[in-house]
């Protein structure tokens, strides 16, 4: 696709999104993107997960090779939503808005988008990815929120069992 086609594509995408947002009251951009993709003659091509890595929607699997990272999901923006992506921090966005330009430290973050996660130290452990997307995790979160005493009890039991397991594995 040429630069001219890119410009046309992005203008068409924006036009369709504006219509979708203002007339249909749909803030999602995917439908407008798909329609612009089709109208611009690019075709109807299935892109793999590297081109649509939605972190909050099971995208951790594709993060390593991601070309586009969606770090925010409006569906996940409920009262318990905490963005674990530094570039989603509203204070950074306000700094850009107030200064009218992108400060150098934020430019450096943009140049290394795969390393801008906060407090997510398990993200590189491939054993954990499917567990993080599991209903079990959300069930535990609900238990912790509604029955903290039960969660603490369960955590103590699991910690005890894990300790025994570590001792047994170190003897072999």
Protein backbone atom coordinates (compact mmCIF):
# COMPACT_ATOMS: atom_id res chain seq x y z
CA UNK A 1 0.00 0.00 0.00
CA UNK A 2 1.42 3.40 -0.96
CA UNK A 3 1.65 6.46 1.29
CA UNK A 4 -1.22 8.04 -0.65
CA UNK A 5 -3.33 4.94 -0.02
CA UNK A 6 -2.39 5.00 3.67
CA UNK A 7 -3.57 8.59 3.98
CA UNK A 8 -6.82 7.76 2.19
CA UNK A 9 -7.32 4.70 4.38
CA UNK A 10 -6.83 6.61 7.64
CA UNK A 11 -9.10 9.44 6.48
CA UNK A 12 -11.79 6.92 5.51
CA UNK A 13 -11.39 5.09 8.83
CA UNK A 14 -11.74 8.34 10.74
CA UNK A 15 -14.77 9.39 8.68
CA UNK A 16 -16.50 6.07 9.29
CA UNK A 17 -15.61 6.11 12.98
CA UNK A 18 -16.99 9.65 13.37
CA UNK A 19 -20.24 8.49 11.78
CA UNK A 20 -20.36 5.39 13.96
CA UNK A 21 -19.62 7.38 17.12
CA UNK A 22 -21.85 10.40 16.51
CA UNK A 23 -24.79 8.81 14.70
CA UNK A 24 -24.82 5.24 15.98
CA UNK A 25 -23.33 6.05 19.41
CA UNK A 26 -20.84 3.22 19.02
CA UNK A 27 -17.40 4.17 20.33
CA UNK A 28 -15.66 1.04 19.03
CA UNK A 29 -13.35 1.56 16.08
CA UNK A 30 -13.12 -2.00 14.76
CA UNK A 31 -16.25 -1.85 12.60
CA UNK A 32 -15.11 1.40 11.01
CA UNK A 33 -11.65 -0.06 10.51
CA UNK A 34 -13.04 -3.15 8.78
CA UNK A 35 -15.30 -1.08 6.53
CA UNK A 36 -12.47 1.31 5.60
CA UNK A 37 -10.26 -1.68 4.89
CA UNK A 38 -12.90 -3.04 2.51
CA UNK A 39 -13.85 0.31 0.89
CA UNK A 40 -10.22 1.15 0.18
CA UNK A 41 -9.84 -2.04 -1.80
CA UNK A 42 -7.31 -3.51 0.56
CA UNK A 43 -9.43 -6.59 0.71
CA UNK A 44 -10.85 -8.84 3.29
CA UNK A 45 -7.82 -10.37 4.93
CA UNK A 46 -7.65 -12.18 8.23
CA UNK A 47 -4.79 -10.77 10.28
CA UNK A 48 -3.22 -12.92 12.95
CA UNK A 49 -3.05 -11.96 16.62
CA UNK A 50 0.23 -10.08 16.22
CA UNK A 51 -1.72 -7.38 14.39
CA UNK A 52 -4.44 -7.13 17.00
CA UNK A 53 -2.90 -7.89 20.37
CA UNK A 54 -5.63 -7.01 22.85
CA UNK A 55 -3.92 -7.39 26.20
CA UNK A 56 -7.15 -7.54 28.18
CA UNK A 57 -8.77 -10.01 25.79
CA UNK A 58 -6.30 -12.90 25.79
CA UNK A 59 -3.60 -11.08 23.85
CA UNK A 60 -0.77 -12.00 26.18
CA UNK A 61 -0.15 -14.98 23.94
CA UNK A 62 0.68 -12.62 21.05
CA UNK A 63 2.59 -9.94 22.96
CA UNK A 64 6.06 -11.18 22.09
CA UNK A 65 5.48 -10.75 18.34
CA UNK A 66 2.84 -8.00 18.54
CA UNK A 67 2.83 -5.28 15.92
CA UNK A 68 -0.24 -3.49 17.31
CA UNK A 69 -0.91 -3.53 21.06
CA UNK A 70 -4.36 -2.55 22.31
CA UNK A 71 -3.65 -1.75 25.92
CA UNK A 72 -7.17 -0.63 26.82
CA UNK A 73 -10.50 -2.33 26.49
CA UNK A 74 -13.66 -0.37 27.10
CA UNK A 75 -15.37 -3.62 28.03
CA UNK A 76 -12.90 -4.03 30.90
CA UNK A 77 -13.19 -0.46 32.12
CA UNK A 78 -15.50 -1.20 35.03
CA UNK A 79 -14.94 -0.15 38.61
CA UNK A 80 -12.29 -2.82 39.16
CA UNK A 81 -10.31 -2.03 36.02
CA UNK A 82 -6.73 -1.02 36.67
CA UNK A 83 -4.65 -0.45 33.59
CA UNK A 84 -1.35 -2.23 33.82
CA UNK A 85 0.01 -0.36 30.85
CA UNK A 86 2.04 2.75 31.68
CA UNK A 87 1.05 4.60 28.51
CA UNK A 88 -2.60 4.39 29.58
CA UNK A 89 -1.82 6.49 32.65
CA UNK A 90 -3.97 9.62 32.55
CA UNK A 91 -1.19 11.71 34.11
CA UNK A 92 1.03 10.97 31.10
CA UNK A 93 -1.78 11.87 28.75
CA UNK A 94 -2.38 15.14 30.64
CA UNK A 95 1.33 16.01 30.43
CA UNK A 96 1.15 15.65 26.66
CA UNK A 97 -2.07 17.64 26.45
CA UNK A 98 -0.80 20.44 28.70
CA UNK A 99 2.59 20.79 27.02
CA UNK A 100 1.25 20.41 23.50
CA UNK A 101 4.05 18.00 22.65
CA UNK A 102 5.35 14.62 23.71
CA UNK A 103 8.06 14.89 26.40
CA UNK A 104 11.28 12.96 25.77
CA UNK A 105 10.68 10.43 28.56
CA UNK A 106 7.29 9.53 27.07
CA UNK A 107 8.82 9.31 23.59
CA UNK A 108 11.24 6.73 24.98
CA UNK A 109 8.32 4.77 26.40
CA UNK A 110 6.58 4.84 23.01
CA UNK A 111 9.73 3.51 21.36
CA UNK A 112 9.63 0.48 23.69
CA UNK A 113 5.91 -0.30 24.03
CA UNK A 114 6.34 -3.93 25.05
CA UNK A 115 8.20 -2.86 28.17
CA UNK A 116 5.64 -0.41 29.52
CA UNK A 117 3.72 -2.63 31.91
CA UNK A 118 3.32 -1.84 35.59
CA UNK A 119 3.47 -4.46 38.28
CA UNK A 120 2.89 -7.38 35.94
CA UNK A 121 5.89 -9.53 36.64
CA UNK A 122 4.26 -12.80 35.55
CA UNK A 123 3.61 -11.65 32.00
CA UNK A 124 6.74 -13.32 30.63
CA UNK A 125 5.99 -16.69 32.20
CA UNK A 126 4.21 -18.68 29.48
CA UNK A 127 2.86 -21.12 32.10
CA UNK A 128 0.83 -18.29 33.62
CA UNK A 129 -0.82 -16.83 30.50
CA UNK A 130 -3.74 -19.27 30.30
CA UNK A 131 -4.23 -19.09 34.06
CA UNK A 132 -4.45 -15.29 33.96
CA UNK A 133 -7.26 -15.60 31.41
CA UNK A 134 -9.04 -18.30 33.42
CA UNK A 135 -12.41 -17.87 35.15
CA UNK A 136 -10.64 -19.20 38.24
CA UNK A 137 -8.67 -15.95 38.56
CA UNK A 138 -11.84 -13.86 38.45
CA UNK A 139 -13.53 -16.17 40.95
CA UNK A 140 -10.61 -15.72 43.33
CA UNK A 141 -10.79 -11.95 42.83
CA UNK A 142 -14.48 -12.02 43.75
CA UNK A 143 -13.76 -14.12 46.84
CA UNK A 144 -10.99 -11.74 47.89
CA UNK A 145 -13.32 -8.76 47.47
CA UNK A 146 -16.42 -10.23 49.12
CA UNK A 147 -14.95 -12.74 51.59
CA UNK A 148 -11.41 -11.60 52.39
CA UNK A 149 -11.16 -13.91 55.39
CA UNK A 150 -11.87 -16.92 53.15
CA UNK A 151 -9.36 -15.74 50.57
CA UNK A 152 -6.69 -15.30 53.25
CA UNK A 153 -7.41 -18.77 54.59
CA UNK A 154 -7.21 -20.31 51.11
CA UNK A 155 -4.00 -18.44 50.35
CA UNK A 156 -2.41 -19.66 53.58
CA UNK A 157 -3.33 -23.27 52.76
CA UNK A 158 -1.95 -23.04 49.23
CA UNK A 159 1.21 -21.38 50.51
CA UNK A 160 1.69 -24.20 53.01
CA UNK A 161 1.17 -26.88 50.33
CA UNK A 162 3.52 -25.08 47.93
CA UNK A 163 6.17 -24.97 50.65
CA UNK A 164 5.90 -28.73 51.10
CA UNK A 165 6.13 -29.20 47.33
CA UNK A 166 9.28 -27.10 47.12
CA UNK A 167 10.90 -29.08 49.93
CA UNK A 168 10.04 -32.36 48.23
CA UNK A 169 11.36 -31.21 44.84
CA UNK A 170 14.63 -29.97 46.35
CA UNK A 171 15.28 -33.44 47.82
CA UNK A 172 15.23 -35.03 44.34
